[in-house]
Amino acid sequence: MSDTEFSSLIQSGALWQNFCARLADGVLTLTGAGTPDTAFDRGEGTRYLSRLIRLGLEIYLENGDPDFPSFYVPSHETAKMGGDNPDNLYLSSTIAGDRTYRLTGHIGTVTYLSLGSKANRYAIDGTMPSTGELVGAEFRPDAQGNFEIIASTQRPADGRTWLPLAPDSTMLHLRQTFLDRKAETPATIKIERISAGPLAPAPDDPEKIGRRLMAAADFVVNTSKLFADWARQFMTHPNEVRDWGQEMFIKAGGDPAIFYVHGYWSLASDEALVLEVAEPDAEHWNIQINNWWMESLDYRYHPICINKHSAKRNADGGLTFVIAHRDPGFGNWLPTVGHDQGFVLLRWVKAGATPVPTSRVIPI
């Protein structure tokens, strides 16, 4: 579509109508096969779509210029997707693979720190494959914890720390993973383009606004569809956690250093799902429960996430997790917070082994 066509759409109000009409396609996520049909669940689903609208506008409309990138928060306490990690602070930035960027900052004291370049296609097909990764010591901080990283398609000749980009890279994604948020200091990071380009952003034009606005709407529809498809797949094995193959999670933006285990739970008020596993040697791990829309439950007020630091071990050193409506009095309890069904997600981070817990439903 040409700039003239976008100008005409904006002047007539049709662009806004097109944007709203595209958002309306998200109703297929709410009402598709297998989705829960209670007012409780669909109320959460409706709120979920509204949250994706906020995220889409931040990502594509407000922070969509690869010449003048800045870090924004793509998932947080009140806007979530894809089994967001309650132990994480996420930061992302829009970039382009044909530019060169310098990143500077301080590593803080977080337990796990990773930075990836991604080909963000969430607005196209709901995928975000990795195009380059740095983890922990690969940031090469100095004695004071400060780092400098060059993000580009070509390795810096002067030996500076390098984050590879690909021609189709469009996003940088920083994960900071805490064992104890109250006791740890977050990392800080800044980004600037250092390759040739404009000194200041050009005035907004109809084409840029139109394309970014429609990309935000596509993001809402395609992202919600992706995770609804995951949900239906996990539902084929109720009350069981499984290794579903890691490729699907990496394609969606997952960290290649993390092993993901997912499962679907559906429990009556007097039932509990018990998960038991031997604890591997891992840099970090956590387990959480999510609603049907793959949002973590409200971890600000409920202990729906347990990690390596907060977990209670069994006498033999193993781990027992219990998903139930009320505290069963043993193991590590994950409360359902009024939900009768949802999903559980276990992450092993840089682990020497990646065991899958056993699963059983018991009466309580």
Protein backbone atom coordinates (compact mmCIF):
# COMPACT_ATOMS: atom_id res chain seq x y z
CA MET A 1 0.00 0.00 0.00
CA SER A 2 1.40 3.41 -0.97
CA ASP A 3 1.81 6.48 1.20
CA THR A 4 -1.03 8.15 -0.71
CA GLU A 5 -3.34 5.22 0.04
CA PHE A 6 -2.46 5.37 3.75
CA SER A 7 -3.09 9.13 3.74
CA SER A 8 -6.51 8.54 2.24
CA LEU A 9 -7.32 5.85 4.82
CA ILE A 10 -6.24 8.06 7.70
CA GLN A 11 -8.14 11.10 6.44
CA SER A 12 -11.34 9.12 6.02
CA GLY A 13 -11.04 7.29 9.34
CA ALA A 14 -10.90 3.95 7.53
CA LEU A 15 -7.47 3.08 8.93
CA TRP A 16 -8.87 3.07 12.46
CA GLN A 17 -11.80 0.98 11.29
CA ASN A 18 -9.38 -1.48 9.64
CA PHE A 19 -7.34 -1.63 12.84
CA CYS A 20 -10.41 -2.38 14.96
CA ALA A 21 -11.72 -4.91 12.43
CA ARG A 22 -8.42 -6.78 12.53
CA LEU A 23 -8.47 -6.81 16.33
CA ALA A 24 -11.95 -8.31 16.16
CA ASP A 25 -10.44 -11.41 14.55
CA GLY A 26 -9.05 -12.19 18.00
CA VAL A 27 -12.50 -13.47 18.97
CA LEU A 28 -11.47 -16.74 17.30
CA THR A 29 -8.98 -17.21 20.14
CA LEU A 30 -11.77 -16.76 22.69
CA THR A 31 -14.31 -19.05 21.06
CA GLY A 32 -12.21 -21.58 19.13
CA ALA A 33 -12.38 -25.32 19.62
CA GLY A 34 -11.29 -26.46 23.07
CA THR A 35 -11.36 -23.05 24.71
CA PRO A 36 -13.12 -22.89 28.08
CA ASP A 37 -16.60 -21.40 27.83
CA THR A 38 -17.18 -20.22 31.41
CA ALA A 39 -17.64 -16.51 32.08
CA PHE A 40 -14.64 -16.70 34.44
CA ASP A 41 -12.25 -18.06 31.82
CA ARG A 42 -13.52 -15.99 28.92
CA GLY A 43 -13.42 -12.91 31.08
CA GLU A 44 -9.72 -13.55 31.60
CA GLY A 45 -9.38 -14.25 27.88
CA THR A 46 -10.97 -10.93 26.99
CA ARG A 47 -8.64 -9.12 29.37
CA TYR A 48 -5.73 -11.07 27.84
CA LEU A 49 -6.54 -9.75 24.37
CA SER A 50 -6.72 -6.21 25.72
CA ARG A 51 -3.30 -6.71 27.29
CA LEU A 52 -1.88 -7.90 23.99
CA ILE A 53 -3.20 -4.70 22.38
CA ARG A 54 -1.16 -2.68 24.89
CA LEU A 55 1.94 -4.76 24.22
CA GLY A 56 1.47 -4.61 20.45
CA LEU A 57 1.20 -0.84 20.45
CA GLU A 58 4.33 -0.53 22.62
CA ILE A 59 6.32 -2.90 20.42
CA TYR A 60 5.31 -1.80 16.94
CA LEU A 61 3.89 1.71 17.14
CA GLU A 62 5.79 3.38 19.96
CA ASN A 63 9.12 1.52 19.79
CA GLY A 64 9.25 0.43 16.17
CA ASP A 65 12.15 2.53 14.83
CA PRO A 66 15.37 0.49 14.37
CA ASP A 67 17.42 3.67 13.84
CA PHE A 68 16.54 5.02 17.28
CA PRO A 69 16.09 1.95 19.47
CA SER A 70 15.29 1.89 23.16
CA PHE A 71 14.46 -0.91 25.57
CA TYR A 72 10.83 -1.48 26.51
CA VAL A 73 9.16 -4.11 28.72
CA PRO A 74 7.39 -6.69 26.49
CA SER A 75 5.80 -8.64 29.35
CA HIS A 76 5.14 -7.65 32.94
CA GLU A 77 2.73 -7.95 35.87
CA THR A 78 -0.33 -6.70 33.97
CA ALA A 79 0.44 -7.69 30.37
CA LYS A 80 1.49 -11.29 29.79
CA MET A 81 1.82 -13.97 27.15
CA GLY A 82 3.27 -17.38 26.43
CA GLY A 83 3.91 -18.54 30.00
CA ASP A 84 5.73 -15.37 31.06
CA ASN A 85 8.28 -16.04 33.80
CA PRO A 86 7.44 -14.43 37.18
CA ASP A 87 11.17 -14.54 38.07
CA ASN A 88 12.12 -12.58 34.97
CA LEU A 89 12.54 -8.95 34.07
CA TYR A 90 12.17 -8.82 30.28
CA LEU A 91 13.52 -6.01 28.11
CA SER A 92 13.34 -5.81 24.31
CA SER A 93 14.40 -3.40 21.60
CA THR A 94 13.55 -3.06 17.91
CA ILE A 95 16.60 -3.30 15.64
CA ALA A 96 17.43 -4.15 12.02
CA GLY A 97 19.95 -6.69 10.80
CA ASP A 98 21.63 -4.26 8.40
CA ARG A 99 22.59 -1.83 11.21
CA THR A 100 25.29 -1.97 13.89
CA TYR A 101 24.52 -1.25 17.54
CA ARG A 102 26.47 -0.67 20.72
CA LEU A 103 25.03 -1.85 24.02
CA THR A 104 26.46 -0.69 27.34
CA GLY A 105 25.44 -1.39 30.90
CA HIS A 106 26.07 -3.17 34.19
CA ILE A 107 25.36 -6.82 34.89
CA GLY A 108 23.91 -6.23 38.37
CA THR A 109 23.60 -9.29 40.62
CA VAL A 110 20.88 -11.29 38.87
CA THR A 111 21.31 -15.04 38.87
CA TYR A 112 20.86 -15.56 35.13
CA LEU A 113 21.34 -13.00 32.37
CA SER A 114 20.91 -13.64 28.65
CA LEU A 115 20.70 -11.47 25.56
CA GLY A 116 19.42 -12.75 22.23
CA SER A 117 18.90 -11.33 18.79
CA LYS A 118 15.62 -12.49 17.28
CA ALA A 119 13.75 -12.46 13.97
CA ASN A 120 10.48 -11.18 15.43
CA ARG A 121 7.66 -12.53 13.24
CA TYR A 122 4.91 -12.51 15.87
CA ALA A 123 2.85 -10.13 13.71
CA ILE A 124 3.30 -12.44 10.70
CA ASP A 125 3.21 -16.06 11.84
CA GLY A 126 3.69 -16.03 15.60
CA THR A 127 7.36 -17.08 15.57
CA MET A 128 10.54 -15.48 16.89
CA PRO A 129 13.59 -17.62 16.06
CA SER A 130 16.97 -16.86 17.59
CA THR A 131 19.69 -15.31 15.42
CA GLY A 132 22.37 -14.91 18.12
CA GLU A 133 22.79 -15.43 21.88
CA LEU A 134 24.98 -14.30 24.79
CA VAL A 135 24.66 -15.77 28.28
CA GLY A 136 26.23 -14.74 31.61
CA ALA A 137 30.01 -14.61 31.43
CA GLU A 138 29.81 -14.20 27.65
CA PHE A 139 28.91 -10.53 28.33
CA ARG A 140 32.58 -10.21 29.41
CA PRO A 141 32.04 -7.60 32.12
CA ASP A 142 35.01 -5.75 33.60
CA ALA A 143 35.98 -5.91 37.28
CA GLN A 144 33.25 -3.38 38.13
CA GLY A 145 30.56 -5.32 36.25
CA ASN A 146 30.33 -2.95 33.28
CA PHE A 147 29.98 -4.36 29.77
CA GLU A 148 30.02 -3.22 26.16
CA ILE A 149 28.56 -5.34 23.37
CA ILE A 150 28.51 -4.81 19.62
CA ALA A 151 25.47 -6.23 17.83
CA SER A 152 26.07 -6.67 14.09
CA THR A 153 26.23 -9.22 11.30
CA GLN A 154 30.05 -9.04 11.23
CA ARG A 155 32.29 -9.81 14.21
CA PRO A 156 34.11 -6.65 15.44
CA ALA A 157 37.72 -6.62 14.28
CA ASP A 158 38.90 -5.11 17.59
CA GLY A 159 37.77 -8.10 19.66
CA ARG A 160 34.92 -6.41 21.51
CA THR A 161 32.11 -8.65 22.79
CA TRP A 162 29.87 -9.55 19.87
CA LEU A 163 26.19 -10.41 19.64
CA PRO A 164 25.57 -11.85 16.15
CA LEU A 165 22.75 -10.45 14.03
CA ALA A 166 21.27 -11.97 10.89
CA PRO A 167 19.90 -10.01 7.94
CA ASP A 168 16.38 -10.68 9.21
CA SER A 169 17.04 -9.82 12.88
CA THR A 170 14.47 -7.32 14.13
CA MET A 171 14.62 -7.53 17.94
CA LEU A 172 16.99 -7.80 20.88
CA HIS A 173 15.61 -9.59 23.93
CA LEU A 174 17.18 -9.42 27.40
CA ARG A 175 16.20 -11.89 30.12
CA GLN A 176 17.10 -11.19 33.73
CA THR A 177 16.18 -14.07 36.02
CA PHE A 178 16.05 -13.58 39.78
CA LEU A 179 16.23 -16.07 42.61
CA ASP A 180 15.07 -13.37 45.04
CA ARG A 181 13.96 -10.04 43.54
CA LYS A 182 14.12 -8.28 46.92
CA ALA A 183 17.78 -9.14 47.40
CA GLU A 184 19.18 -8.81 43.88
CA THR A 185 20.13 -5.77 41.80
CA PRO A 186 18.79 -5.70 38.22
CA ALA A 187 21.13 -5.22 35.30
CA THR A 188 21.07 -1.95 33.39
CA ILE A 189 21.42 -1.64 29.63
CA LYS A 190 21.37 1.06 26.96
CA ILE A 191 21.45 0.76 23.18
CA GLU A 192 22.50 3.07 20.35
CA ARG A 193 22.89 2.65 16.62
CA ILE A 194 26.50 3.35 15.60
CA SER A 195 26.26 2.61 11.88
CA ALA A 196 25.46 5.36 9.38
CA GLY A 197 21.96 6.77 9.53
CA PRO A 198 19.81 9.79 10.39
CA LEU A 199 20.69 11.98 13.34
CA ALA A 200 17.07 12.41 14.41
CA PRO A 201 13.81 10.61 13.66
CA ALA A 202 11.95 11.86 10.60
CA PRO A 203 8.52 13.41 11.13
CA ASP A 204 5.79 10.81 11.34
CA ASP A 205 4.17 9.99 8.03
CA PRO A 206 0.92 8.19 7.22
CA GLU A 207 2.58 5.08 5.81
CA LYS A 208 4.71 4.52 8.92
CA ILE A 209 1.78 5.02 11.27
CA GLY A 210 -0.48 2.84 9.17
CA ARG A 211 1.93 -0.06 8.82
CA ARG A 212 2.90 -0.06 12.49
CA LEU A 213 -0.68 0.18 13.67
CA MET A 214 -1.74 -2.77 11.52
CA ALA A 215 1.33 -4.73 12.64
CA ALA A 216 0.19 -4.23 16.24
CA ALA A 217 -3.24 -5.63 15.37
CA ASP A 218 -1.69 -8.61 13.56
CA PHE A 219 0.44 -9.22 16.65
CA VAL A 220 -2.67 -9.52 18.82
CA VAL A 221 -4.37 -12.00 16.49
CA ASN A 222 -1.35 -14.15 15.63
CA THR A 223 0.15 -14.23 19.12
CA SER A 224 -3.12 -15.26 20.75
CA LYS A 225 -3.62 -17.93 18.08
CA LEU A 226 -0.12 -19.35 18.63
CA PHE A 227 -0.60 -19.88 22.35
CA ALA A 228 -4.16 -21.13 21.97
CA ASP A 229 -2.77 -23.76 19.60
CA TRP A 230 -0.20 -24.71 22.23
CA ALA A 231 -2.98 -24.97 24.82
CA ARG A 232 -4.99 -27.36 22.67
CA GLN A 233 -1.90 -29.49 22.12
CA PHE A 234 -1.09 -29.69 25.83
CA MET A 235 -4.73 -30.60 26.60
CA THR A 236 -4.30 -33.89 24.74
CA HIS A 237 -2.52 -35.24 27.85
CA PRO A 238 -4.49 -33.93 30.84
CA ASN A 239 -2.86 -33.80 34.29
CA GLU A 240 0.51 -34.74 32.87
CA VAL A 241 3.71 -32.80 32.17
CA ARG A 242 5.78 -33.69 29.14
CA ASP A 243 8.77 -32.77 27.02
CA TRP A 244 6.97 -31.63 23.87
CA GLY A 245 10.21 -31.05 21.98
CA GLN A 246 12.16 -27.84 22.42
CA GLU A 247 12.02 -26.58 18.83
CA MET A 248 8.48 -25.18 19.18
CA PHE A 249 9.52 -23.06 22.15
CA ILE A 250 12.74 -21.76 20.58
CA LYS A 251 10.83 -20.77 17.44
CA ALA A 252 8.53 -18.70 19.63
CA GLY A 253 11.43 -16.78 21.22
CA GLY A 254 12.49 -19.22 23.94
CA ASP A 255 16.03 -19.20 25.29
CA PRO A 256 18.10 -22.06 23.80
CA ALA A 257 19.79 -22.50 27.20
CA ILE A 258 16.45 -23.30 28.86
CA PHE A 259 14.67 -26.66 28.76
CA TYR A 260 10.88 -26.21 28.90
CA VAL A 261 8.40 -28.74 30.30
CA HIS A 262 4.67 -28.01 29.93
CA GLY A 263 1.49 -29.69 31.09
CA TYR A 264 -2.27 -29.18 31.34
CA TRP A 265 -4.11 -29.58 34.64
CA SER A 266 -7.84 -29.87 35.31
CA LEU A 267 -8.83 -30.46 38.93
CA ALA A 268 -11.94 -30.69 41.06
CA SER A 269 -12.05 -28.83 44.35
CA ASP A 270 -11.03 -31.97 46.26
CA GLU A 271 -8.23 -33.06 43.92
CA ALA A 272 -4.53 -32.27 43.64
CA LEU A 273 -1.96 -32.87 40.92
CA VAL A 274 1.29 -34.11 42.44
CA LEU A 275 4.52 -33.67 40.47
CA GLU A 276 7.71 -35.37 41.69
CA VAL A 277 11.21 -35.02 40.26
CA ALA A 278 14.87 -35.33 41.21
CA GLU A 279 16.52 -31.91 41.27
CA PRO A 280 19.29 -31.60 38.64
CA ASP A 281 22.35 -29.40 38.88
CA ALA A 282 21.07 -26.22 37.21
CA GLU A 283 22.04 -22.56 37.18
CA HIS A 284 18.39 -21.75 37.82
CA TRP A 285 15.02 -23.46 37.70
CA ASN A 286 11.43 -22.59 38.47
CA ILE A 287 7.91 -23.92 38.13
CA GLN A 288 4.71 -21.88 37.74
CA ILE A 289 1.06 -22.25 36.91
CA ASN A 290 -0.77 -20.33 34.21
CA ASN A 291 -4.38 -19.80 33.21
CA TRP A 292 -5.79 -21.25 29.98
CA TRP A 293 -4.50 -18.25 28.02
CA MET A 294 -0.90 -19.01 29.01
CA GLU A 295 -0.66 -16.05 31.38
CA SER A 296 1.06 -16.59 34.71
CA LEU A 297 -1.38 -16.19 37.58
CA ASP A 298 -1.01 -13.03 39.64
CA TYR A 299 2.37 -13.58 41.29
CA ARG A 300 2.21 -10.17 43.00
CA TYR A 301 -0.23 -11.59 45.54
CA HIS A 302 -0.18 -15.38 45.22
CA PRO A 303 2.76 -17.87 45.46
CA ILE A 304 2.12 -19.38 42.02
CA CYS A 305 5.84 -19.70 41.22
CA ILE A 306 8.50 -21.67 43.08
CA ASN A 307 12.19 -21.57 42.19
CA LYS A 308 15.56 -22.97 43.17
CA HIS A 309 15.83 -20.49 46.04
CA SER A 310 12.32 -20.75 47.50
CA ALA A 311 11.64 -24.49 47.14
CA LYS A 312 11.41 -26.97 50.01
CA ARG A 313 13.30 -30.21 49.38
CA ASN A 314 12.22 -33.68 50.43
CA ALA A 315 14.32 -35.66 52.88
CA ASP A 316 16.00 -37.42 49.95
CA GLY A 317 16.70 -34.12 48.20
CA GLY A 318 13.96 -34.58 45.64
CA LEU A 319 11.20 -32.11 44.80
CA THR A 320 7.45 -32.46 45.19
CA PHE A 321 5.07 -29.87 43.74
CA VAL A 322 1.34 -29.90 44.39
CA ILE A 323 -1.23 -28.00 42.31
CA ALA A 324 -4.46 -27.72 44.28
CA HIS A 325 -7.25 -25.35 45.25
CA ARG A 326 -6.14 -25.45 48.89
CA ASP A 327 -2.91 -26.26 50.71
CA PRO A 328 -2.63 -30.07 50.97
CA GLY A 329 -0.09 -29.82 53.77
CA PHE A 330 2.91 -31.35 52.00
CA GLY A 331 5.31 -30.56 49.20
CA ASN A 332 5.54 -27.19 47.45
CA TRP A 333 1.99 -25.90 47.00
CA LEU A 334 1.01 -24.02 43.84
CA PRO A 335 -2.46 -22.48 44.43
CA THR A 336 -4.95 -22.45 41.58
CA VAL A 337 -6.38 -19.05 42.63
CA GLY A 338 -9.96 -19.87 41.66
CA HIS A 339 -9.12 -21.71 38.43
CA ASP A 340 -10.38 -25.21 37.67
CA GLN A 341 -7.93 -25.69 34.80
CA GLY A 342 -4.77 -24.22 33.41
CA PHE A 343 -1.18 -25.04 32.54
CA VAL A 344 2.01 -25.73 34.43
CA LEU A 345 5.46 -24.79 33.16
CA LEU A 346 8.80 -26.01 34.51
CA ARG A 347 12.09 -24.50 33.32
CA TRP A 348 15.53 -26.05 33.77
CA VAL A 349 18.10 -23.30 33.06
CA LYS A 350 21.57 -24.42 31.95
CA ALA A 351 20.96 -27.76 33.62
CA GLY A 352 23.21 -30.81 33.60
CA ALA A 353 20.11 -32.99 33.23
CA THR A 354 16.54 -32.24 32.20
CA PRO A 355 14.25 -34.70 33.99
CA VAL A 356 10.49 -34.66 33.42
CA PRO A 357 8.45 -34.96 36.63
CA THR A 358 6.08 -37.84 37.23
CA SER A 359 2.40 -36.82 37.52
CA ARG A 360 -0.51 -38.23 39.53
CA VAL A 361 -3.88 -36.94 40.73
CA ILE A 362 -4.82 -37.62 44.35
CA PRO A 363 -7.85 -36.77 46.51
CA ILE A 364 -7.39 -34.24 49.30
